[in-house]
Amino acid sequence: MIDMNVKQRTIKSDVEFSGVGLHTGKQVQLTLKPAPENHWYKFKRVDLDGQPVVNVDADNVTNTARGTTISQNGASVSTIEHLMAALVGLQLDNVLIEIDGPEVPILDGSSAIFIDKIQEVGFQDQDADRDYFEVTDNIHYNDAENKVEIVAMPVDGYRITCMIDFNSPVLGSQHASITNIDEFSKEIASSRTFCFLHELEALVSQNLIKGGDLSNAIVIVDKEIEDSELEKLQVLFHKRVEVAQEGILNNISLRHQNEPARHKLLDMIGDLALVGKPIKGHIMAARPGHAANVAFAKRIKAQMKREKNKKHVKVYDPNTPPVYDTVQIMNILPHRQPFLMIDKILELSETNVVGLKNVTMNEDLFMGHFPGAPLFPGVLQIEAMAQTGGILVLNTVPDPENWLTLFLKIENARFKNQVVPGDTVIFTCELLEPIRRGIARMKGVGMVGDKVVSEAELMAQIVKVKG
C-alpha cells in the first residue's frame, strides 16, 4: 500500500559506476548525485560542450531499438531502462545523473549492481510530498500487429503483471509480477537482459552489442546450432561457448526460473519512469517491449495532462452564495459597464481566486464581433482574467477602493476553444510566487465546463490613487 503522504527523497551522497555500454562498447563513467525537490531524473552529458541536460521524459525518446534512448539539447543517452528501474524500485524521486558517454553501462545486464551501490549510500528525505500519478480510470494500449496489450487500472499501490510469449520451445509463455514496488529489489532487480542466439549475427551486423558479453546477457538457443556457429561465437565473445540442456548458452545459471519475464517487467518499470513521476495503479502487460512501453508512457502523460486541466474545473452551484456579487465587486474594482467583465467571485484565498463571467448576446460587442457568428474576443477573456486577478491582489490591502491594479506584463497567452453567448466562463488565478512590493505574478486559466478556453501568465502591480 502506498502512503500518499510520504515525502520525496533523493540519495545522501554521490554514487559512482563505471563500465561499458552494451551496444556502443564504450567505457563510461556515471555518477548519481542528490537533486532538489521536484527534479525527477535528469542526465547531464559532462563530456560535451556546455554539459547539456537530457530530461527523462517520454517526449524525449528518439529510439527504442534494443533499448530506450532519450535526446534533448543536442545530446543523447541510450539504454537507460535498467538504471531507471533501479531508481523507481528504490522509490527515489530526484536524482541528477552525470555521464561522460552516450550509453549507460550495462554492468551485469540487470539493475542489481545499481541497487546495491545506491543502498550502500542511503537516502535523504526531503520536505515536499511525493507527487504520484494515480490511475483513476483504465488506460489502454493495443498493438494488434505485435500482439501487445497493456492496461493500467486503479489500485491502491503500484503493481505490475507481465506476460511474455516468444513461441519458443525454450521460453514458452512466462509470467512475472510484483504486488508492491517494495518487492522490486529482491524479486526483480537481479534479472538480466536476454536475447536469442539467432539474433546475435544480425545485432553484430547492425554494429550493436559491442559491449555484449556472456556475463551480462542470457543467450537463448531454441534451434539446433552447428559447431561452425559455435566457433564464430567463440571468436565474438573471446571465450569457449557451449549450449546447456535447457537451451541457455554456456551453461549459465538462471537466477530465477522465469528470469526473462522478470527482466521484461524490469524494463517496463524503467521505461515507465518516462512518465515523470511515480505511479499508483496496476499495470498489466502482454508481450511488452520498449516501443510499446514508451507509447504507453505517452498515453499516461496525456491522461495526466487532461487531469491537470480538470483541476481547474470549478463546478458552479448558483445556490451557493458568492464571496462577492457584482455590486460588491464594484466596491473593489474601478471598472464599470461596459468594461466590468466579472459578475461574481466564487472563491478567494491568499493565493487563489475564482471568478465568473456570464456571456450574453445583449453585450454590445457582439454587434461587430462577429455579425452572424458571435464570438467573445480573446483579448476580453484576458481582461476578465486580469480583473479576477485584480481582486486577489487588492485583497492584500485594507482599503481596495483607494487602489488601482495596473497590469505590467502578459506572457504565454493561449486561446484553445471558442466562447459564445450563453457560455459561463470560470476564471481561476493562482499566484506563481508571493506578492512582493505590491507586484504579483499569476497563472490564469479560463474554463467553460471542462474545456480550457484561455490561459496566460500575468504580472500586476497595485498603485494607491486616493487617501
Protein backbone atom coordinates (compact mmCIF):
# COMPACT_ATOMS: atom_id res chain seq x y z
CA MET A 1 0.00 0.00 0.00
CA ILE A 2 1.36 3.43 -0.94
CA ASP A 3 1.40 6.13 1.72
CA MET A 4 0.09 9.16 -0.13
CA ASN A 5 1.66 11.49 2.46
CA VAL A 6 5.20 10.16 2.02
CA LYS A 7 7.93 12.70 1.39
CA GLN A 8 10.08 12.92 -1.71
CA ARG A 9 13.61 11.59 -1.35
CA THR A 10 16.99 11.66 -3.01
CA ILE A 11 20.32 9.94 -2.30
CA LYS A 12 22.52 11.03 0.60
CA SER A 13 25.69 11.43 -1.48
CA ASP A 14 27.25 10.68 -4.85
CA VAL A 15 27.27 7.12 -6.21
CA GLU A 16 29.74 6.21 -8.97
CA PHE A 17 29.60 3.47 -11.58
CA SER A 18 31.85 2.56 -14.48
CA GLY A 19 31.53 0.04 -17.27
CA VAL A 20 30.91 -0.38 -20.97
CA GLY A 21 27.78 0.33 -22.97
CA LEU A 22 26.03 -2.77 -24.28
CA HIS A 23 25.74 -1.51 -27.84
CA THR A 24 28.50 1.11 -28.16
CA GLY A 25 31.13 -0.90 -26.25
CA LYS A 26 32.46 2.43 -24.93
CA GLN A 27 33.84 2.75 -21.43
CA VAL A 28 31.74 5.21 -19.45
CA GLN A 29 31.79 6.82 -16.03
CA LEU A 30 28.42 7.54 -14.43
CA THR A 31 27.77 9.45 -11.21
CA LEU A 32 24.43 9.72 -9.43
CA LYS A 33 24.07 12.96 -7.47
CA PRO A 34 21.48 14.22 -4.98
CA ALA A 35 18.94 16.54 -6.60
CA PRO A 36 16.43 19.10 -5.24
CA GLU A 37 12.70 18.56 -4.79
CA ASN A 38 10.51 18.13 -7.89
CA HIS A 39 13.60 17.48 -10.05
CA TRP A 40 12.83 13.88 -11.09
CA TYR A 41 15.57 12.20 -13.16
CA LYS A 42 17.88 14.09 -15.48
CA PHE A 43 21.08 13.11 -17.32
CA LYS A 44 23.94 15.57 -17.77
CA ARG A 45 26.43 14.79 -20.56
CA VAL A 46 29.58 16.09 -18.87
CA ASP A 47 31.72 15.05 -21.87
CA LEU A 48 30.00 17.51 -24.23
CA ASP A 49 30.40 21.27 -24.58
CA GLY A 50 28.04 23.08 -22.26
CA GLN A 51 27.25 19.84 -20.43
CA PRO A 52 23.70 19.58 -21.88
CA VAL A 53 20.93 18.11 -19.76
CA VAL A 54 18.51 15.45 -21.01
CA ASN A 55 15.28 15.05 -19.06
CA VAL A 56 13.90 11.56 -18.53
CA ASP A 57 10.63 12.19 -20.35
CA ALA A 58 8.59 10.18 -22.83
CA ASP A 59 8.56 13.18 -25.17
CA ASN A 60 12.36 12.97 -25.42
CA VAL A 61 12.52 9.34 -26.60
CA THR A 62 14.20 9.07 -30.01
CA ASN A 63 14.93 5.34 -30.33
CA THR A 64 13.55 2.11 -28.88
CA ALA A 65 15.59 -0.45 -30.82
CA ARG A 66 17.12 -2.88 -28.29
CA GLY A 67 16.84 -0.26 -25.55
CA THR A 68 15.48 3.20 -24.77
CA THR A 69 17.29 6.31 -25.99
CA ILE A 70 16.40 9.88 -24.98
CA SER A 71 17.66 13.06 -26.65
CA GLN A 72 17.47 16.76 -25.81
CA ASN A 73 19.59 19.89 -26.21
CA GLY A 74 21.78 18.20 -28.81
CA ALA A 75 22.67 15.27 -26.54
CA SER A 76 21.54 11.65 -26.28
CA VAL A 77 21.74 8.88 -23.69
CA SER A 78 20.82 5.30 -24.56
CA THR A 79 19.99 2.07 -22.74
CA ILE A 80 18.65 3.98 -19.73
CA GLU A 81 15.99 1.48 -18.66
CA HIS A 82 17.94 -0.65 -16.14
CA LEU A 83 19.17 2.38 -14.21
CA MET A 84 15.71 3.96 -14.33
CA ALA A 85 14.18 0.76 -12.97
CA ALA A 86 16.62 0.84 -10.05
CA LEU A 87 15.73 4.44 -9.19
CA VAL A 88 11.99 3.72 -9.36
CA GLY A 89 12.40 0.46 -7.46
CA LEU A 90 14.19 2.29 -4.65
CA GLN A 91 11.43 4.93 -4.66
CA LEU A 92 13.79 7.80 -5.38
CA ASP A 93 12.19 10.99 -6.66
CA ASN A 94 15.09 13.27 -7.51
CA VAL A 95 18.46 12.28 -8.97
CA LEU A 96 20.92 14.02 -11.30
CA ILE A 97 22.92 11.56 -13.42
CA GLU A 98 26.25 12.78 -14.75
CA ILE A 99 27.58 10.64 -17.57
CA ASP A 100 30.65 11.02 -19.79
CA GLY A 101 29.42 8.96 -22.73
CA PRO A 102 26.38 8.18 -24.88
CA GLU A 103 25.22 5.00 -23.16
CA VAL A 104 24.55 3.83 -19.61
CA PRO A 105 26.91 0.97 -18.68
CA ILE A 106 25.32 -2.45 -18.97
CA LEU A 107 27.14 -3.87 -15.88
CA ASP A 108 25.70 -7.38 -15.34
CA GLY A 109 22.66 -6.79 -17.58
CA SER A 110 20.27 -6.18 -14.68
CA SER A 111 19.54 -3.49 -12.08
CA ALA A 112 21.18 -5.36 -9.19
CA ILE A 113 24.53 -3.55 -9.12
CA PHE A 114 22.79 -0.16 -9.31
CA ILE A 115 20.52 -1.18 -6.43
CA ASP A 116 23.33 -2.46 -4.20
CA LYS A 117 25.61 0.57 -4.53
CA ILE A 118 22.77 3.07 -4.07
CA GLN A 119 21.60 1.27 -0.94
CA GLU A 120 25.13 1.49 0.48
CA VAL A 121 24.94 5.29 0.30
CA GLY A 122 21.38 5.56 1.61
CA PHE A 123 18.55 8.03 1.16
CA GLN A 124 17.69 11.57 2.22
CA ASP A 125 14.07 12.56 2.85
CA GLN A 126 13.02 15.96 1.51
CA ASP A 127 10.35 18.46 2.59
CA ALA A 128 7.97 18.17 -0.39
CA ASP A 129 5.29 15.47 -0.54
CA ARG A 130 5.75 12.78 -3.17
CA ASP A 131 3.69 13.60 -6.25
CA TYR A 132 2.07 10.42 -7.60
CA PHE A 133 0.12 9.88 -10.78
CA GLU A 134 -2.92 7.98 -9.57
CA VAL A 135 -4.73 5.89 -12.17
CA THR A 136 -8.44 6.66 -11.72
CA ASP A 137 -9.77 5.17 -14.97
CA ASN A 138 -8.47 2.34 -17.14
CA ILE A 139 -5.81 3.38 -19.67
CA HIS A 140 -5.43 1.01 -22.64
CA TYR A 141 -2.75 0.44 -25.26
CA ASN A 142 -3.01 -2.13 -28.05
CA ASP A 143 -0.65 -3.04 -30.89
CA ALA A 144 -2.51 -5.70 -32.84
CA GLU A 145 0.34 -6.32 -35.27
CA ASN A 146 2.76 -7.29 -32.49
CA LYS A 147 0.05 -8.74 -30.22
CA VAL A 148 0.90 -6.26 -27.48
CA GLU A 149 -1.71 -5.27 -24.90
CA ILE A 150 -1.13 -3.03 -21.90
CA VAL A 151 -3.68 -1.66 -19.46
CA ALA A 152 -3.40 0.45 -16.32
CA MET A 153 -6.14 0.05 -13.75
CA PRO A 154 -6.95 1.80 -10.46
CA VAL A 155 -5.50 0.09 -7.40
CA ASP A 156 -4.09 1.16 -4.05
CA GLY A 157 -0.39 0.58 -4.73
CA TYR A 158 1.99 0.04 -7.64
CA ARG A 159 1.57 -3.43 -9.14
CA ILE A 160 2.84 -4.80 -12.42
CA THR A 161 1.98 -8.09 -14.11
CA CYS A 162 3.90 -9.06 -17.24
CA MET A 163 3.42 -11.96 -19.66
CA ILE A 164 5.82 -12.88 -22.47
CA ASP A 165 5.27 -15.41 -25.24
CA PHE A 166 8.02 -15.84 -27.85
CA ASN A 167 6.67 -19.05 -29.37
CA SER A 168 9.95 -20.61 -28.30
CA PRO A 169 10.41 -24.21 -27.10
CA VAL A 170 12.88 -22.92 -24.51
CA LEU A 171 10.97 -19.92 -23.18
CA GLY A 172 7.36 -20.74 -23.94
CA SER A 173 4.97 -18.46 -22.05
CA GLN A 174 6.18 -16.87 -18.83
CA HIS A 175 4.62 -14.56 -16.27
CA ALA A 176 6.13 -12.28 -13.65
CA SER A 177 4.54 -9.87 -11.22
CA ILE A 178 5.03 -7.70 -8.20
CA THR A 179 2.24 -6.57 -5.90
CA ASN A 180 4.22 -3.74 -4.33
CA ILE A 181 7.18 -1.68 -5.56
CA ASP A 182 9.00 -2.66 -2.35
CA GLU A 183 9.39 -6.13 -3.90
CA PHE A 184 11.49 -4.84 -6.79
CA SER A 185 14.93 -5.03 -5.17
CA LYS A 186 14.56 -8.64 -4.06
CA GLU A 187 12.37 -10.16 -6.75
CA ILE A 188 13.11 -8.30 -10.00
CA ALA A 189 16.32 -6.26 -9.89
CA SER A 190 18.74 -9.17 -10.49
CA SER A 191 17.01 -10.38 -13.66
CA ARG A 192 19.32 -9.99 -16.67
CA THR A 193 18.67 -8.96 -20.22
CA PHE A 194 18.32 -11.74 -22.77
CA CYS A 195 18.33 -12.39 -26.49
CA PHE A 196 18.12 -15.33 -28.87
CA LEU A 197 21.18 -16.84 -30.48
CA HIS A 198 19.76 -16.32 -33.96
CA GLU A 199 19.58 -12.56 -33.22
CA LEU A 200 23.29 -12.19 -32.43
CA GLU A 201 24.56 -12.18 -36.01
CA ALA A 202 22.02 -9.52 -37.00
CA LEU A 203 22.89 -7.38 -33.98
CA VAL A 204 26.59 -7.58 -34.81
CA SER A 205 25.91 -6.67 -38.44
CA GLN A 206 23.98 -3.60 -37.19
CA ASN A 207 27.09 -2.52 -35.27
CA LEU A 208 25.37 -3.26 -31.95
CA ILE A 209 26.25 -5.28 -28.82
CA LYS A 210 29.89 -4.14 -28.96
CA GLY A 211 29.83 -4.37 -25.18
CA GLY A 212 27.90 -7.65 -25.11
CA ASP A 213 29.30 -10.50 -23.06
CA LEU A 214 28.03 -13.78 -21.68
CA SER A 215 28.35 -12.25 -18.22
CA ASN A 216 25.78 -9.52 -18.93
CA ALA A 217 23.18 -11.29 -21.06
CA ILE A 218 21.30 -14.55 -21.24
CA VAL A 219 21.62 -16.05 -24.73
CA ILE A 220 18.79 -18.46 -25.51
CA VAL A 221 19.32 -21.26 -28.04
CA ASP A 222 15.98 -22.53 -29.29
CA LYS A 223 17.21 -24.07 -32.55
CA GLU A 224 19.89 -26.59 -33.42
CA ILE A 225 23.31 -24.99 -33.66
CA GLU A 226 26.24 -26.27 -35.70
CA ASP A 227 29.83 -26.45 -34.49
CA SER A 228 30.85 -23.79 -37.02
CA GLU A 229 28.39 -21.35 -35.46
CA LEU A 230 29.80 -22.08 -32.00
CA GLU A 231 33.27 -21.35 -33.32
CA LYS A 232 32.09 -17.96 -34.61
CA LEU A 233 30.62 -17.19 -31.20
CA GLN A 234 33.90 -18.11 -29.50
CA VAL A 235 35.64 -15.51 -31.65
CA LEU A 236 32.90 -12.96 -30.88
CA PHE A 237 32.95 -13.44 -27.11
CA HIS A 238 36.63 -14.42 -26.77
CA LYS A 239 35.72 -17.49 -24.74
CA ARG A 240 34.58 -21.09 -25.12
CA VAL A 241 30.83 -21.40 -25.59
CA GLU A 242 28.54 -24.36 -25.09
CA VAL A 243 24.81 -24.99 -25.03
CA ALA A 244 23.15 -26.13 -21.82
CA GLN A 245 20.40 -28.72 -21.88
CA GLU A 246 17.73 -26.10 -21.25
CA GLY A 247 18.93 -24.13 -24.26
CA ILE A 248 20.95 -21.43 -22.47
CA LEU A 249 24.33 -20.62 -23.96
CA ASN A 250 27.44 -21.52 -21.96
CA ASN A 251 25.66 -23.36 -19.15
CA ILE A 252 24.81 -20.08 -17.45
CA SER A 253 22.69 -20.49 -14.34
CA LEU A 254 19.39 -18.66 -14.33
CA ARG A 255 18.80 -16.53 -11.26
CA HIS A 256 15.06 -17.22 -11.50
CA GLN A 257 13.16 -19.88 -13.39
CA ASN A 258 11.24 -17.09 -15.16
CA GLU A 259 14.15 -14.66 -15.38
CA PRO A 260 13.29 -13.45 -18.92
CA ALA A 261 9.74 -12.50 -17.86
CA ARG A 262 11.10 -10.77 -14.77
CA HIS A 263 13.52 -8.82 -16.92
CA LYS A 264 10.70 -7.68 -19.21
CA LEU A 265 8.91 -6.46 -16.10
CA LEU A 266 12.12 -4.67 -15.06
CA ASP A 267 12.27 -2.96 -18.46
CA MET A 268 8.66 -1.83 -18.09
CA ILE A 269 9.31 -0.23 -14.71
CA GLY A 270 12.34 1.54 -16.14
CA ASP A 271 10.55 2.76 -19.26
CA LEU A 272 7.54 3.99 -17.28
CA ALA A 273 9.89 6.34 -15.41
CA LEU A 274 9.44 8.39 -18.60
CA VAL A 275 6.05 9.43 -17.16
CA GLY A 276 7.94 11.82 -14.87
CA LYS A 277 6.53 10.76 -11.51
CA PRO A 278 5.79 7.57 -9.54
CA ILE A 279 2.62 5.70 -10.49
CA LYS A 280 -0.19 4.46 -8.28
CA GLY A 281 -2.02 1.76 -10.21
CA HIS A 282 -1.91 -1.78 -11.56
CA ILE A 283 -0.17 -2.26 -14.91
CA MET A 284 -0.92 -5.47 -16.81
CA ALA A 285 1.09 -6.15 -19.96
CA ALA A 286 1.15 -8.91 -22.56
CA ARG A 287 4.25 -9.15 -24.79
CA PRO A 288 5.62 -5.67 -23.98
CA GLY A 289 8.75 -4.15 -25.48
CA HIS A 290 10.48 -0.78 -25.36
CA ALA A 291 8.42 0.74 -28.19
CA ALA A 292 5.15 -0.32 -26.57
CA ASN A 293 6.32 0.78 -23.12
CA VAL A 294 7.16 4.25 -24.42
CA ALA A 295 3.86 4.51 -26.31
CA PHE A 296 2.04 3.54 -23.12
CA ALA A 297 4.03 6.09 -21.09
CA LYS A 298 2.86 8.75 -23.57
CA ARG A 299 -0.75 7.59 -23.04
CA ILE A 300 -0.29 8.06 -19.30
CA LYS A 301 1.26 11.50 -19.83
CA ALA A 302 -1.71 12.52 -21.98
CA GLN A 303 -4.07 11.40 -19.22
CA MET A 304 -2.02 13.36 -16.67
CA LYS A 305 -2.42 16.48 -18.80
CA ARG A 306 -6.18 16.00 -19.06
CA GLU A 307 -6.48 15.53 -15.31
CA LYS A 308 -4.33 18.59 -14.67
CA ASN A 309 -6.72 20.63 -16.78
CA LYS A 310 -9.66 19.19 -14.87
CA LYS A 311 -8.20 20.54 -11.64
CA HIS A 312 -9.09 23.99 -12.94
CA VAL A 313 -12.72 22.98 -13.42
CA LYS A 314 -14.94 24.64 -10.84
CA VAL A 315 -18.47 23.30 -10.67
CA TYR A 316 -20.67 26.35 -10.35
CA ASP A 317 -23.59 25.96 -7.97
CA PRO A 318 -25.86 29.01 -8.27
CA ASN A 319 -27.34 28.14 -4.87
CA THR A 320 -24.02 28.79 -3.14
CA PRO A 321 -23.64 32.45 -2.10
CA PRO A 322 -20.65 34.06 -3.84
CA VAL A 323 -17.78 35.64 -1.96
CA TYR A 324 -18.59 38.87 -3.84
CA ASP A 325 -21.56 39.66 -6.06
CA THR A 326 -21.48 42.27 -8.84
CA VAL A 327 -22.23 45.22 -6.55
CA GLN A 328 -19.52 44.16 -4.10
CA ILE A 329 -17.05 43.72 -6.96
CA MET A 330 -17.72 47.33 -7.99
CA ASN A 331 -16.79 48.41 -4.46
CA ILE A 332 -13.32 46.91 -5.08
CA LEU A 333 -12.64 47.35 -8.80
CA PRO A 334 -12.95 50.73 -10.55
CA HIS A 335 -14.35 49.13 -13.73
CA ARG A 336 -17.91 49.89 -14.82
CA GLN A 337 -20.28 48.86 -17.61
CA PRO A 338 -19.44 48.13 -20.40
CA PHE A 339 -15.99 47.14 -19.15
CA LEU A 340 -16.75 45.25 -15.95
CA MET A 341 -16.04 41.69 -17.07
CA ILE A 342 -16.65 39.73 -13.85
CA ASP A 343 -20.09 39.01 -12.40
CA LYS A 344 -19.18 37.02 -9.27
CA ILE A 345 -16.21 35.94 -7.17
CA LEU A 346 -16.74 32.32 -6.17
CA GLU A 347 -13.57 31.64 -4.15
CA LEU A 348 -10.86 33.81 -2.60
CA SER A 349 -7.79 32.94 -0.56
CA GLU A 350 -4.33 34.42 -0.06
CA THR A 351 -3.03 32.64 -3.17
CA ASN A 352 -6.07 31.80 -5.30
CA VAL A 353 -9.20 33.46 -6.69
CA VAL A 354 -12.06 32.14 -8.81
CA GLY A 355 -14.31 34.50 -10.78
CA LEU A 356 -17.34 34.01 -13.03
CA LYS A 357 -18.32 35.73 -16.27
CA ASN A 358 -21.74 35.17 -17.85
CA VAL A 359 -21.56 35.80 -21.60
CA THR A 360 -24.87 37.06 -23.06
CA MET A 361 -25.96 38.18 -26.51
CA ASN A 362 -27.03 41.55 -25.03
CA GLU A 363 -23.40 42.74 -24.89
CA ASP A 364 -22.80 45.47 -27.46
CA LEU A 365 -19.52 43.95 -28.67
CA PHE A 366 -21.40 41.18 -30.49
CA MET A 367 -22.73 43.72 -32.99
CA GLY A 368 -19.26 43.77 -34.53
CA HIS A 369 -17.60 40.54 -33.33
CA PHE A 370 -18.91 38.97 -35.49
CA PRO A 371 -22.29 39.56 -37.21
CA GLY A 372 -23.83 36.15 -37.75
CA ALA A 373 -21.10 34.36 -35.79
CA PRO A 374 -20.84 35.93 -32.32
CA LEU A 375 -17.56 35.17 -30.51
CA PHE A 376 -16.37 36.62 -27.22
CA PRO A 377 -12.92 38.11 -28.03
CA GLY A 378 -9.80 36.53 -26.63
CA VAL A 379 -8.45 39.92 -25.56
CA LEU A 380 -11.55 40.43 -23.39
CA GLN A 381 -11.10 36.97 -21.91
CA ILE A 382 -7.65 38.09 -20.78
CA GLU A 383 -9.21 41.30 -19.41
CA ALA A 384 -11.75 39.26 -17.43
CA MET A 385 -8.93 37.05 -16.19
CA ALA A 386 -6.96 40.16 -15.19
CA GLN A 387 -9.93 41.63 -13.30
CA THR A 388 -10.28 38.32 -11.45
CA GLY A 389 -6.60 38.50 -10.55
CA GLY A 390 -7.06 42.14 -9.53
CA ILE A 391 -9.47 41.02 -6.82
CA LEU A 392 -6.76 38.68 -5.50
CA VAL A 393 -4.10 41.41 -5.40
CA LEU A 394 -6.40 44.08 -3.93
CA ASN A 395 -7.35 41.63 -1.21
CA THR A 396 -3.93 42.36 0.33
CA VAL A 397 -4.83 45.97 1.27
CA PRO A 398 -7.49 47.14 3.78
CA ASP A 399 -8.92 49.86 1.50
CA PRO A 400 -9.03 48.38 -2.03
CA GLU A 401 -11.34 51.16 -3.26
CA ASN A 402 -8.36 53.54 -2.98
CA TRP A 403 -6.07 51.46 -5.19
CA LEU A 404 -5.74 50.62 -8.88
CA THR A 405 -4.41 47.39 -10.35
CA LEU A 406 -2.01 48.03 -13.24
CA PHE A 407 -1.02 45.07 -15.37
CA LEU A 408 2.66 45.13 -16.31
CA LYS A 409 3.04 42.01 -18.42
CA ILE A 410 1.07 39.26 -20.14
CA GLU A 411 3.00 36.15 -21.24
CA ASN A 412 2.22 32.78 -22.80
CA ALA A 413 -1.36 33.72 -23.64
CA ARG A 414 -3.17 30.90 -25.44
CA PHE A 415 -6.74 30.56 -26.71
CA LYS A 416 -7.87 26.97 -27.02
CA ASN A 417 -11.64 26.99 -27.51
CA GLN A 418 -14.28 29.49 -28.59
CA VAL A 419 -16.50 31.38 -26.15
CA VAL A 420 -20.00 32.18 -27.40
CA PRO A 421 -23.15 33.78 -26.00
CA GLY A 422 -24.73 31.54 -23.38
CA ASP A 423 -21.38 30.34 -22.01
CA THR A 424 -20.39 30.74 -18.39
CA VAL A 425 -16.63 31.23 -18.10
CA ILE A 426 -14.90 30.36 -14.82
CA PHE A 427 -11.57 32.16 -14.37
CA THR A 428 -9.01 30.87 -11.88
CA CYS A 429 -5.90 32.87 -10.98
CA GLU A 430 -3.16 31.43 -8.78
CA LEU A 431 -0.05 33.18 -7.50
CA LEU A 432 3.18 31.86 -9.01
CA GLU A 433 5.19 33.41 -6.17
CA PRO A 434 4.47 35.53 -3.08
CA ILE A 435 3.40 39.14 -3.67
CA ARG A 436 6.35 41.48 -3.13
CA ARG A 437 6.14 45.28 -3.01
CA GLY A 438 2.64 45.13 -4.45
CA ILE A 439 3.73 43.15 -7.50
CA ALA A 440 2.05 39.81 -8.23
CA ARG A 441 2.76 37.08 -10.80
CA MET A 442 -0.20 34.84 -11.52
CA LYS A 443 -1.20 31.97 -13.75
CA GLY A 444 -4.72 32.44 -15.08
CA VAL A 445 -6.96 29.83 -16.71
CA GLY A 446 -10.43 30.30 -18.21
CA MET A 447 -12.75 27.29 -18.41
CA VAL A 448 -16.13 26.64 -19.99
CA GLY A 449 -17.30 23.39 -18.47
CA ASP A 450 -14.30 21.06 -18.55
CA LYS A 451 -12.63 22.78 -21.51
CA VAL A 452 -9.82 25.30 -21.24
CA VAL A 453 -10.71 28.33 -23.35
CA SER A 454 -7.82 30.62 -22.44
CA GLU A 455 -4.74 30.79 -20.26
CA ALA A 456 -1.96 33.27 -19.58
CA GLU A 457 0.67 34.37 -17.09
CA LEU A 458 0.00 37.84 -15.72
CA MET A 459 2.09 40.36 -13.79
CA ALA A 460 0.30 43.18 -11.97
CA GLN A 461 1.10 45.99 -9.54
CA ILE A 462 -1.29 47.84 -7.24
CA VAL A 463 -0.93 51.62 -7.01
CA LYS A 464 -2.62 53.88 -4.46
CA VAL A 465 -4.64 56.69 -6.02
CA LYS A 466 -6.59 58.06 -3.02
CA GLY A 467 -6.15 58.60 0.68
